[in-house]
Amino acid sequence: MTSFFLFLSKVFKWTFGFFDAFGNVLNWILFIVCCTLFTYWCYVLVSRLGNNKDKDYHSPTEGKHPYYDPEIYKKEG
């Protein structure tokens, strides 16, 4: 019975080592993805909207989803 528990402890130690290594790899993947998104965000802010280009920028959804729609919020009564 003792050998079974020793084997079980080795299995648990191996699985915790595996989860530790997998967590490390997953953290690096998420870090690289977040760095890429941040770099793209900076690129959009600087290249597309920088140097007063934001005055010429028009959103593709501009006017399609108004914040205040008088048809929805009209008073009745």
C-alpha atoms as a PDB file:
ATOM      1  CA  MET A   1       0.000   0.000   0.000  1.00  0.00           C
ATOM      2  CA  THR A   2       2.873   2.341   0.715  1.00  0.00           C
ATOM      3  CA  SER A   3       4.257   1.834  -2.784  1.00  0.00           C
ATOM      4  CA  PHE A   4       0.885   2.834  -4.222  1.00  0.00           C
ATOM      5  CA  PHE A   5       0.907   6.114  -2.265  1.00  0.00           C
ATOM      6  CA  LEU A   6       4.518   6.774  -3.299  1.00  0.00           C
ATOM      7  CA  PHE A   7       3.509   6.210  -6.924  1.00  0.00           C
ATOM      8  CA  LEU A   8       0.495   8.477  -6.451  1.00  0.00           C
ATOM      9  CA  SER A   9       2.677  11.201  -4.977  1.00  0.00           C
ATOM     10  CA  LYS A  10       5.017  10.968  -7.990  1.00  0.00           C
ATOM     11  CA  VAL A  11       2.027  11.295 -10.312  1.00  0.00           C
ATOM     12  CA  PHE A  12       0.782  14.356  -8.422  1.00  0.00           C
ATOM     13  CA  LYS A  13       4.251  15.927  -8.493  1.00  0.00           C
ATOM     14  CA  TRP A  14       4.454  15.317 -12.249  1.00  0.00           C
ATOM     15  CA  THR A  15       0.997  16.786 -12.910  1.00  0.00           C
ATOM     16  CA  PHE A  16       1.743  19.893 -10.848  1.00  0.00           C
ATOM     17  CA  GLY A  17       4.994  20.320 -12.784  1.00  0.00           C
ATOM     18  CA  PHE A  18       3.066  19.920 -16.029  1.00  0.00           C
ATOM     19  CA  PHE A  19       0.477  22.511 -14.991  1.00  0.00           C
ATOM     20  CA  ASP A  20       3.234  24.866 -13.907  1.00  0.00           C
ATOM     21  CA  ALA A  21       4.997  24.537 -17.279  1.00  0.00           C
ATOM     22  CA  PHE A  22       1.713  24.816 -19.205  1.00  0.00           C
ATOM     23  CA  GLY A  23       0.772  27.915 -17.206  1.00  0.00           C
ATOM     24  CA  ASN A  24       4.140  29.465 -18.002  1.00  0.00           C
ATOM     25  CA  VAL A  25       3.690  28.787 -21.727  1.00  0.00           C
ATOM     26  CA  LEU A  26       0.127  30.119 -21.628  1.00  0.00           C
ATOM     27  CA  ASN A  27       1.293  33.283 -19.863  1.00  0.00           C
ATOM     28  CA  TRP A  28       3.892  33.919 -22.573  1.00  0.00           C
ATOM     29  CA  ILE A  29       1.332  33.374 -25.322  1.00  0.00           C
ATOM     30  CA  LEU A  30      -1.100  35.809 -23.677  1.00  0.00           C
ATOM     31  CA  PHE A  31       1.726  38.302 -23.129  1.00  0.00           C
ATOM     32  CA  ILE A  32       2.699  38.202 -26.813  1.00  0.00           C
ATOM     33  CA  VAL A  33      -0.946  38.576 -27.910  1.00  0.00           C
ATOM     34  CA  CYS A  34      -1.466  41.543 -25.584  1.00  0.00           C
ATOM     35  CA  CYS A  35       1.767  43.203 -26.757  1.00  0.00           C
ATOM     36  CA  THR A  36       0.632  42.770 -30.364  1.00  0.00           C
ATOM     37  CA  LEU A  37      -2.768  44.306 -29.641  1.00  0.00           C
ATOM     38  CA  PHE A  38      -1.161  47.197 -27.775  1.00  0.00           C
ATOM     39  CA  THR A  39       1.270  47.824 -30.657  1.00  0.00           C
ATOM     40  CA  TYR A  40      -1.596  47.795 -33.165  1.00  0.00           C
ATOM     41  CA  TRP A  41      -3.583  50.191 -30.962  1.00  0.00           C
ATOM     42  CA  CYS A  42      -0.621  52.579 -30.832  1.00  0.00           C
ATOM     43  CA  TYR A  43      -0.217  52.288 -34.619  1.00  0.00           C
ATOM     44  CA  VAL A  44      -3.874  53.217 -35.168  1.00  0.00           C
ATOM     45  CA  LEU A  45      -3.635  56.158 -32.766  1.00  0.00           C
ATOM     46  CA  VAL A  46      -0.447  57.532 -34.302  1.00  0.00           C
ATOM     47  CA  SER A  47      -0.757  56.743 -38.013  1.00  0.00           C
ATOM     48  CA  ARG A  48      -4.472  57.035 -38.651  1.00  0.00           C
ATOM     49  CA  LEU A  49      -5.497  59.625 -36.091  1.00  0.00           C
ATOM     50  CA  GLY A  50      -2.254  61.489 -35.418  1.00  0.00           C
ATOM     51  CA  ASN A  51      -1.268  64.915 -36.793  1.00  0.00           C
ATOM     52  CA  ASN A  52      -4.886  66.175 -36.793  1.00  0.00           C
ATOM     53  CA  LYS A  53      -6.026  63.409 -39.126  1.00  0.00           C
ATOM     54  CA  ASP A  54      -8.823  62.659 -36.689  1.00  0.00           C
ATOM     55  CA  LYS A  55     -10.738  65.626 -38.118  1.00  0.00           C
ATOM     56  CA  ASP A  56     -10.912  63.826 -41.486  1.00  0.00           C
ATOM     57  CA  TYR A  57     -11.750  60.433 -39.979  1.00  0.00           C
ATOM     58  CA  HIS A  58     -15.335  59.251 -40.326  1.00  0.00           C
ATOM     59  CA  SER A  59     -16.543  56.150 -38.545  1.00  0.00           C
ATOM     60  CA  PRO A  60     -18.201  53.546 -40.768  1.00  0.00           C
ATOM     61  CA  THR A  61     -21.089  53.332 -38.276  1.00  0.00           C
ATOM     62  CA  GLU A  62     -21.507  57.080 -37.855  1.00  0.00           C
ATOM     63  CA  GLY A  63     -25.187  58.028 -37.906  1.00  0.00           C
ATOM     64  CA  LYS A  64     -26.400  54.441 -38.030  1.00  0.00           C
ATOM     65  CA  HIS A  65     -26.583  53.952 -34.268  1.00  0.00           C
ATOM     66  CA  PRO A  66     -27.425  57.328 -32.744  1.00  0.00           C
ATOM     67  CA  TYR A  67     -27.066  57.847 -29.008  1.00  0.00           C
ATOM     68  CA  TYR A  68     -30.393  59.653 -28.869  1.00  0.00           C
ATOM     69  CA  ASP A  69     -33.099  58.526 -31.258  1.00  0.00           C
ATOM     70  CA  PRO A  70     -36.145  60.789 -31.097  1.00  0.00           C
ATOM     71  CA  GLU A  71     -38.359  58.009 -32.497  1.00  0.00           C
ATOM     72  CA  ILE A  72     -37.629  55.851 -29.472  1.00  0.00           C
ATOM     73  CA  TYR A  73     -37.729  58.542 -26.791  1.00  0.00           C
ATOM     74  CA  LYS A  74     -40.610  60.760 -27.910  1.00  0.00           C
ATOM     75  CA  LYS A  75     -42.989  61.869 -25.196  1.00  0.00           C
ATOM     76  CA  GLU A  76     -46.499  60.700 -25.343  1.00  0.00           C
ATOM     77  CA  GLY A  77     -49.303  62.540 -23.664  1.00  0.00           C
END
